[in-house]
Amino acid sequence: MANVVITGANRGIGLALTKHYLSRGDQVWALCRSASDELKDTQANIVEGVDVQDFNSLPKALAPLSQINIDILINNAGIFRNESLGDINVDSIEQQFKVNALAPLVITDLLVNNMNSGSKLALITSRMGSISDNGSGAYYGYRMSKAALNAAGMSLTQDLRSKEIAVAILHPGFVQTEMVNFNGDISADDSAANLVKRIDALTMQNSGTFWHSNGQELPW
């Protein structure tokens, strides 16, 4: 039985991951600003009041985890906006950097001492953060913030190697969630199942690899 911590667990992929790990008999600490009714109906250990973009509040918000040995930390919380040339919203771009790139790094830094040799860190990113895979442009804040998260993931891979903590950098697929108005080609449940497979397969040997949840290795 693993101790699993998941951010953004109140809906979408985070909620689906929560349910998947619980179905395996694992203990889940579900982090969110406020719990949805669907999350409350699970057996997860719910930690509310976790606003990932309020960095000053995070140490207190994460205090309920202070005595937990974390086997798997999944930084899943994220936001999606669209900016294009002629419609550049700086505030929107800055918020995406805070939530999508800085928050996973800050949360990992605050919780890394709860992790031990054999623990795993998963960053839920996007193939839209791939520079070589960008064939359509736009979405400046989202693409830039996810590219920054990928860069952080590679640095974390190096910094956590001595502690034998492996890092997964994972694209969940185009998932049918509220974030994309329920468009997409894969359900949150199917995406979560695939993500769990990738995390299960994570070792120190493939730590720091950029994966699609379907098992495809993605280009940087």
C-alpha atoms as a PDB file:
ATOM      1  CA  MET A   1       0.000   0.000   0.000  1.00  0.00           C
ATOM      2  CA  ALA A   2       1.453   3.322  -1.114  1.00  0.00           C
ATOM      3  CA  ASN A   3       0.952   6.795   0.296  1.00  0.00           C
ATOM      4  CA  VAL A   4      -0.025   9.002  -2.663  1.00  0.00           C
ATOM      5  CA  VAL A   5      -0.330  12.809  -2.616  1.00  0.00           C
ATOM      6  CA  ILE A   6      -2.205  14.456  -5.499  1.00  0.00           C
ATOM      7  CA  THR A   7      -2.708  18.174  -6.116  1.00  0.00           C
ATOM      8  CA  GLY A   8      -5.793  19.480  -7.902  1.00  0.00           C
ATOM      9  CA  ALA A   9      -7.698  16.406  -6.754  1.00  0.00           C
ATOM     10  CA  ASN A  10     -11.208  17.874  -6.604  1.00  0.00           C
ATOM     11  CA  ARG A  11     -12.088  17.221 -10.264  1.00  0.00           C
ATOM     12  CA  GLY A  12     -10.866  16.055 -13.664  1.00  0.00           C
ATOM     13  CA  ILE A  13      -7.644  14.101 -13.914  1.00  0.00           C
ATOM     14  CA  GLY A  14      -6.782  14.652 -10.240  1.00  0.00           C
ATOM     15  CA  LEU A  15     -10.081  13.184  -9.088  1.00  0.00           C
ATOM     16  CA  ALA A  16      -9.727  10.270 -11.504  1.00  0.00           C
ATOM     17  CA  LEU A  17      -6.199   9.583 -10.217  1.00  0.00           C
ATOM     18  CA  THR A  18      -7.507   9.709  -6.656  1.00  0.00           C
ATOM     19  CA  LYS A  19     -10.177   7.124  -7.419  1.00  0.00           C
ATOM     20  CA  HIS A  20      -7.750   4.897  -9.297  1.00  0.00           C
ATOM     21  CA  TYR A  21      -5.205   4.756  -6.481  1.00  0.00           C
ATOM     22  CA  LEU A  22      -7.922   4.220  -3.885  1.00  0.00           C
ATOM     23  CA  SER A  23      -9.282   1.304  -5.935  1.00  0.00           C
ATOM     24  CA  ARG A  24      -5.852  -0.334  -5.631  1.00  0.00           C
ATOM     25  CA  GLY A  25      -5.933  -0.050  -1.859  1.00  0.00           C
ATOM     26  CA  ASP A  26      -3.508   2.860  -1.616  1.00  0.00           C
ATOM     27  CA  GLN A  27      -3.826   5.766   0.800  1.00  0.00           C
ATOM     28  CA  VAL A  28      -4.474   9.046  -0.998  1.00  0.00           C
ATOM     29  CA  TRP A  29      -4.055  12.580   0.299  1.00  0.00           C
ATOM     30  CA  ALA A  30      -6.204  14.676  -2.021  1.00  0.00           C
ATOM     31  CA  LEU A  31      -5.113  18.326  -2.083  1.00  0.00           C
ATOM     32  CA  CYS A  32      -7.468  21.053  -3.299  1.00  0.00           C
ATOM     33  CA  ARG A  33      -8.745  24.538  -2.549  1.00  0.00           C
ATOM     34  CA  SER A  34     -12.200  23.145  -1.750  1.00  0.00           C
ATOM     35  CA  ALA A  35     -13.447  19.594  -2.117  1.00  0.00           C
ATOM     36  CA  SER A  36     -16.113  18.706  -4.652  1.00  0.00           C
ATOM     37  CA  ASP A  37     -19.010  16.505  -3.590  1.00  0.00           C
ATOM     38  CA  GLU A  38     -17.571  13.725  -5.748  1.00  0.00           C
ATOM     39  CA  LEU A  39     -14.241  13.916  -3.934  1.00  0.00           C
ATOM     40  CA  LYS A  40     -16.014  13.946  -0.560  1.00  0.00           C
ATOM     41  CA  ASP A  41     -17.724  10.692  -1.541  1.00  0.00           C
ATOM     42  CA  THR A  42     -14.340   8.939  -1.774  1.00  0.00           C
ATOM     43  CA  GLN A  43     -12.227   7.536   1.052  1.00  0.00           C
ATOM     44  CA  ALA A  44      -9.393   9.951   0.343  1.00  0.00           C
ATOM     45  CA  ASN A  45      -7.731  11.983   3.074  1.00  0.00           C
ATOM     46  CA  ILE A  46      -8.869  15.401   1.873  1.00  0.00           C
ATOM     47  CA  VAL A  47      -6.650  18.416   2.516  1.00  0.00           C
ATOM     48  CA  GLU A  48      -8.567  21.578   1.668  1.00  0.00           C
ATOM     49  CA  GLY A  49      -7.315  25.152   1.553  1.00  0.00           C
ATOM     50  CA  VAL A  50      -4.387  24.331  -0.741  1.00  0.00           C
ATOM     51  CA  ASP A  51      -4.223  27.271  -3.157  1.00  0.00           C
ATOM     52  CA  VAL A  52      -1.181  26.364  -5.232  1.00  0.00           C
ATOM     53  CA  GLN A  53      -0.618  29.938  -6.451  1.00  0.00           C
ATOM     54  CA  ASP A  54      -0.566  31.405  -2.936  1.00  0.00           C
ATOM     55  CA  PHE A  55       3.006  30.441  -2.119  1.00  0.00           C
ATOM     56  CA  ASN A  56       3.032  32.152   1.285  1.00  0.00           C
ATOM     57  CA  SER A  57       0.114  30.014   2.473  1.00  0.00           C
ATOM     58  CA  LEU A  58       1.459  26.674   1.244  1.00  0.00           C
ATOM     59  CA  PRO A  59       3.639  25.743   4.257  1.00  0.00           C
ATOM     60  CA  LYS A  60       0.624  26.005   6.574  1.00  0.00           C
ATOM     61  CA  ALA A  61      -1.738  24.402   4.057  1.00  0.00           C
ATOM     62  CA  LEU A  62       0.574  21.399   3.666  1.00  0.00           C
ATOM     63  CA  ALA A  63       1.110  20.990   7.424  1.00  0.00           C
ATOM     64  CA  PRO A  64      -1.335  18.017   7.616  1.00  0.00           C
ATOM     65  CA  LEU A  65       1.230  16.061   5.574  1.00  0.00           C
ATOM     66  CA  SER A  66       4.127  16.737   7.924  1.00  0.00           C
ATOM     67  CA  GLN A  67       4.189  13.206   9.359  1.00  0.00           C
ATOM     68  CA  ILE A  68       3.355  11.360   6.132  1.00  0.00           C
ATOM     69  CA  ASN A  69       5.969   9.299   4.309  1.00  0.00           C
ATOM     70  CA  ILE A  70       5.153  10.047   0.681  1.00  0.00           C
ATOM     71  CA  ASP A  71       5.673   7.233  -1.821  1.00  0.00           C
ATOM     72  CA  ILE A  72       4.194   9.080  -4.814  1.00  0.00           C
ATOM     73  CA  LEU A  73       3.775  12.840  -5.207  1.00  0.00           C
ATOM     74  CA  ILE A  74       1.719  13.883  -8.236  1.00  0.00           C
ATOM     75  CA  ASN A  75       1.778  17.569  -9.116  1.00  0.00           C
ATOM     76  CA  ASN A  76      -1.384  17.666 -11.193  1.00  0.00           C
ATOM     77  CA  ALA A  77      -2.996  21.073 -10.542  1.00  0.00           C
ATOM     78  CA  GLY A  78      -2.935  23.339 -13.568  1.00  0.00           C
ATOM     79  CA  ILE A  79      -4.828  25.967 -15.553  1.00  0.00           C
ATOM     80  CA  PHE A  80      -5.298  26.500 -19.280  1.00  0.00           C
ATOM     81  CA  ARG A  81      -5.764  29.808 -21.082  1.00  0.00           C
ATOM     82  CA  ASN A  82      -5.304  30.988 -24.652  1.00  0.00           C
ATOM     83  CA  GLU A  83      -3.393  34.033 -25.821  1.00  0.00           C
ATOM     84  CA  SER A  84      -2.484  34.914 -29.396  1.00  0.00           C
ATOM     85  CA  LEU A  85      -0.644  37.753 -31.064  1.00  0.00           C
ATOM     86  CA  GLY A  86      -2.768  40.856 -30.791  1.00  0.00           C
ATOM     87  CA  ASP A  87      -4.417  39.475 -27.664  1.00  0.00           C
ATOM     88  CA  ILE A  88      -1.586  39.047 -25.161  1.00  0.00           C
ATOM     89  CA  ASN A  89      -2.887  39.102 -21.589  1.00  0.00           C
ATOM     90  CA  VAL A  90       0.153  39.422 -19.343  1.00  0.00           C
ATOM     91  CA  ASP A  91      -1.800  38.732 -16.146  1.00  0.00           C
ATOM     92  CA  SER A  92      -3.136  35.495 -17.619  1.00  0.00           C
ATOM     93  CA  ILE A  93       0.333  34.389 -18.714  1.00  0.00           C
ATOM     94  CA  GLU A  94       1.825  35.187 -15.300  1.00  0.00           C
ATOM     95  CA  GLN A  95      -0.930  33.221 -13.555  1.00  0.00           C
ATOM     96  CA  GLN A  96      -0.254  30.204 -15.749  1.00  0.00           C
ATOM     97  CA  PHE A  97       3.441  30.382 -14.885  1.00  0.00           C
ATOM     98  CA  LYS A  98       2.593  30.511 -11.179  1.00  0.00           C
ATOM     99  CA  VAL A  99       0.155  27.592 -11.250  1.00  0.00           C
ATOM    100  CA  ASN A 100       1.650  25.380 -13.948  1.00  0.00           C
ATOM    101  CA  ALA A 101       5.391  25.838 -13.423  1.00  0.00           C
ATOM    102  CA  LEU A 102       6.262  27.487 -10.110  1.00  0.00           C
ATOM    103  CA  ALA A 103       3.684  25.768  -7.896  1.00  0.00           C
ATOM    104  CA  PRO A 104       4.850  22.197  -8.659  1.00  0.00           C
ATOM    105  CA  LEU A 105       8.420  23.233  -7.851  1.00  0.00           C
ATOM    106  CA  VAL A 106       7.435  24.971  -4.601  1.00  0.00           C
ATOM    107  CA  ILE A 107       5.229  22.074  -3.479  1.00  0.00           C
ATOM    108  CA  THR A 108       7.941  19.540  -4.288  1.00  0.00           C
ATOM    109  CA  ASP A 109      10.471  21.595  -2.344  1.00  0.00           C
ATOM    110  CA  LEU A 110       8.151  21.712   0.672  1.00  0.00           C
ATOM    111  CA  LEU A 111       7.410  17.970   0.614  1.00  0.00           C
ATOM    112  CA  VAL A 112      10.647  16.426  -0.604  1.00  0.00           C
ATOM    113  CA  ASN A 113      11.823  15.695   2.943  1.00  0.00           C
ATOM    114  CA  ASN A 114       8.771  13.438   3.299  1.00  0.00           C
ATOM    115  CA  MET A 115      10.087  11.322   0.418  1.00  0.00           C
ATOM    116  CA  ASN A 116      12.651   8.558   0.630  1.00  0.00           C
ATOM    117  CA  SER A 117      14.692   6.279  -1.590  1.00  0.00           C
ATOM    118  CA  GLY A 118      12.232   4.620  -3.963  1.00  0.00           C
ATOM    119  CA  SER A 119       9.679   7.440  -3.807  1.00  0.00           C
ATOM    120  CA  LYS A 120       8.390   8.828  -7.098  1.00  0.00           C
ATOM    121  CA  LEU A 121       7.607  12.344  -8.280  1.00  0.00           C
ATOM    122  CA  ALA A 122       5.199  12.864 -11.189  1.00  0.00           C
ATOM    123  CA  LEU A 123       4.702  16.178 -12.978  1.00  0.00           C
ATOM    124  CA  ILE A 124       1.562  16.391 -15.099  1.00  0.00           C
ATOM    125  CA  THR A 125       2.670  18.562 -17.992  1.00  0.00           C
ATOM    126  CA  SER A 126       1.535  18.767 -21.622  1.00  0.00           C
ATOM    127  CA  ARG A 127       2.970  18.013 -25.027  1.00  0.00           C
ATOM    128  CA  MET A 128       2.077  21.659 -25.709  1.00  0.00           C
ATOM    129  CA  GLY A 129       5.219  22.390 -23.695  1.00  0.00           C
ATOM    130  CA  SER A 130       7.279  20.642 -26.369  1.00  0.00           C
ATOM    131  CA  ILE A 131       9.146  23.153 -28.532  1.00  0.00           C
ATOM    132  CA  SER A 132       9.802  20.782 -31.418  1.00  0.00           C
ATOM    133  CA  ASP A 133       6.179  19.552 -31.391  1.00  0.00           C
ATOM    134  CA  ASN A 134       4.695  23.057 -31.735  1.00  0.00           C
ATOM    135  CA  GLY A 135       3.197  23.205 -35.193  1.00  0.00           C
ATOM    136  CA  SER A 136       0.275  25.562 -34.586  1.00  0.00           C
ATOM    137  CA  GLY A 137       1.470  28.454 -32.379  1.00  0.00           C
ATOM    138  CA  ALA A 138      -0.661  30.583 -30.001  1.00  0.00           C
ATOM    139  CA  TYR A 139      -1.474  29.488 -26.435  1.00  0.00           C
ATOM    140  CA  TYR A 140       1.570  31.447 -25.296  1.00  0.00           C
ATOM    141  CA  GLY A 141       1.104  31.255 -21.538  1.00  0.00           C
ATOM    142  CA  TYR A 142       0.186  27.580 -21.479  1.00  0.00           C
ATOM    143  CA  ARG A 143       2.961  26.488 -23.827  1.00  0.00           C
ATOM    144  CA  MET A 144       5.593  28.593 -22.067  1.00  0.00           C
ATOM    145  CA  SER A 145       4.531  27.525 -18.576  1.00  0.00           C
ATOM    146  CA  LYS A 146       4.537  23.830 -19.477  1.00  0.00           C
ATOM    147  CA  ALA A 147       7.937  24.160 -21.161  1.00  0.00           C
ATOM    148  CA  ALA A 148       9.169  25.751 -17.930  1.00  0.00           C
ATOM    149  CA  LEU A 149       7.692  22.861 -15.941  1.00  0.00           C
ATOM    150  CA  ASN A 150       9.520  20.408 -18.204  1.00  0.00           C
ATOM    151  CA  ALA A 151      12.767  22.275 -17.544  1.00  0.00           C
ATOM    152  CA  ALA A 152      12.105  22.123 -13.797  1.00  0.00           C
ATOM    153  CA  GLY A 153      11.432  18.402 -14.144  1.00  0.00           C
ATOM    154  CA  MET A 154      14.854  17.840 -15.672  1.00  0.00           C
ATOM    155  CA  SER A 155      16.565  19.796 -12.895  1.00  0.00           C
ATOM    156  CA  LEU A 156      14.600  17.858 -10.280  1.00  0.00           C
ATOM    157  CA  THR A 157      15.692  14.648 -11.978  1.00  0.00           C
ATOM    158  CA  GLN A 158      19.320  15.591 -11.435  1.00  0.00           C
ATOM    159  CA  ASP A 159      18.875  16.982  -7.922  1.00  0.00           C
ATOM    160  CA  LEU A 160      16.871  13.991  -6.656  1.00  0.00           C
ATOM    161  CA  ARG A 161      19.097  11.323  -8.176  1.00  0.00           C
ATOM    162  CA  SER A 162      21.259  11.085  -5.065  1.00  0.00           C
ATOM    163  CA  LYS A 163      18.130  10.467  -2.982  1.00  0.00           C
ATOM    164  CA  GLU A 164      17.026   7.778  -5.470  1.00  0.00           C
ATOM    165  CA  ILE A 165      13.740   9.561  -6.163  1.00  0.00           C
ATOM    166  CA  ALA A 166      12.632   9.079  -9.770  1.00  0.00           C
ATOM    167  CA  VAL A 167      10.846  11.809 -11.731  1.00  0.00           C
ATOM    168  CA  ALA A 168       8.128  11.309 -14.371  1.00  0.00           C
ATOM    169  CA  ILE A 169       7.277  14.135 -16.792  1.00  0.00           C
ATOM    170  CA  LEU A 170       3.880  13.134 -18.153  1.00  0.00           C
ATOM    171  CA  HIS A 171       1.444  14.335 -20.807  1.00  0.00           C
ATOM    172  CA  PRO A 172      -2.029  12.994 -19.907  1.00  0.00           C
ATOM    173  CA  GLY A 173      -3.438  13.143 -23.443  1.00  0.00           C
ATOM    174  CA  PHE A 174      -6.176  15.432 -24.747  1.00  0.00           C
ATOM    175  CA  VAL A 175      -8.518  14.738 -21.860  1.00  0.00           C
ATOM    176  CA  GLN A 176     -12.239  15.434 -21.639  1.00  0.00           C
ATOM    177  CA  THR A 177     -12.222  17.774 -18.639  1.00  0.00           C
ATOM    178  CA  GLU A 178     -13.822  21.070 -17.684  1.00  0.00           C
ATOM    179  CA  MET A 179     -10.500  22.799 -18.413  1.00  0.00           C
ATOM    180  CA  VAL A 180     -11.042  22.200 -22.158  1.00  0.00           C
ATOM    181  CA  ASN A 181     -14.855  22.380 -22.078  1.00  0.00           C
ATOM    182  CA  PHE A 182     -14.994  18.576 -22.099  1.00  0.00           C
ATOM    183  CA  ASN A 183     -13.502  18.364 -25.570  1.00  0.00           C
ATOM    184  CA  GLY A 184     -10.818  15.771 -26.023  1.00  0.00           C
ATOM    185  CA  ASP A 185     -10.274  12.243 -27.233  1.00  0.00           C
ATOM    186  CA  ILE A 186      -9.804  10.396 -23.942  1.00  0.00           C
ATOM    187  CA  SER A 187     -11.785  10.317 -20.698  1.00  0.00           C
ATOM    188  CA  ALA A 188     -10.269  11.398 -17.401  1.00  0.00           C
ATOM    189  CA  ASP A 189     -10.625   7.823 -16.117  1.00  0.00           C
ATOM    190  CA  ASP A 190      -8.742   6.342 -19.084  1.00  0.00           C
ATOM    191  CA  SER A 191      -6.076   9.025 -18.848  1.00  0.00           C
ATOM    192  CA  ALA A 192      -5.622   8.352 -15.130  1.00  0.00           C
ATOM    193  CA  ALA A 193      -5.271   4.624 -15.747  1.00  0.00           C
ATOM    194  CA  ASN A 194      -2.577   5.303 -18.344  1.00  0.00           C
ATOM    195  CA  LEU A 195      -0.775   7.785 -16.099  1.00  0.00           C
ATOM    196  CA  VAL A 196      -0.685   5.254 -13.278  1.00  0.00           C
ATOM    197  CA  LYS A 197       0.883   2.720 -15.671  1.00  0.00           C
ATOM    198  CA  ARG A 198       3.610   5.211 -16.536  1.00  0.00           C
ATOM    199  CA  ILE A 199       4.256   5.951 -12.852  1.00  0.00           C
ATOM    200  CA  ASP A 200       4.334   2.237 -12.067  1.00  0.00           C
ATOM    201  CA  ALA A 201       6.946   1.799 -14.809  1.00  0.00           C
ATOM    202  CA  LEU A 202       9.063   4.707 -13.549  1.00  0.00           C
ATOM    203  CA  THR A 203      12.554   3.747 -12.385  1.00  0.00           C
ATOM    204  CA  MET A 204      15.828   5.536 -11.768  1.00  0.00           C
ATOM    205  CA  GLN A 205      16.875   4.346 -15.220  1.00  0.00           C
ATOM    206  CA  ASN A 206      14.082   6.174 -17.077  1.00  0.00           C
ATOM    207  CA  SER A 207      13.784   9.076 -14.629  1.00  0.00           C
ATOM    208  CA  GLY A 208      13.480  12.436 -16.373  1.00  0.00           C
ATOM    209  CA  THR A 209      11.866  11.107 -19.544  1.00  0.00           C
ATOM    210  CA  PHE A 210       8.993  13.009 -21.198  1.00  0.00           C
ATOM    211  CA  TRP A 211       6.153  10.551 -21.778  1.00  0.00           C
ATOM    212  CA  HIS A 212       2.694  10.580 -23.305  1.00  0.00           C
ATOM    213  CA  SER A 213       0.366   8.644 -20.997  1.00  0.00           C
ATOM    214  CA  ASN A 214      -0.095   6.105 -23.818  1.00  0.00           C
ATOM    215  CA  GLY A 215       3.568   5.112 -23.500  1.00  0.00           C
ATOM    216  CA  GLN A 216       4.976   7.190 -26.362  1.00  0.00           C
ATOM    217  CA  GLU A 217       8.181   9.091 -25.601  1.00  0.00           C
ATOM    218  CA  LEU A 218       7.700  12.751 -26.533  1.00  0.00           C
ATOM    219  CA  PRO A 219      10.232  15.189 -28.019  1.00  0.00           C
ATOM    220  CA  TRP A 220      11.434  18.203 -26.093  1.00  0.00           C
END
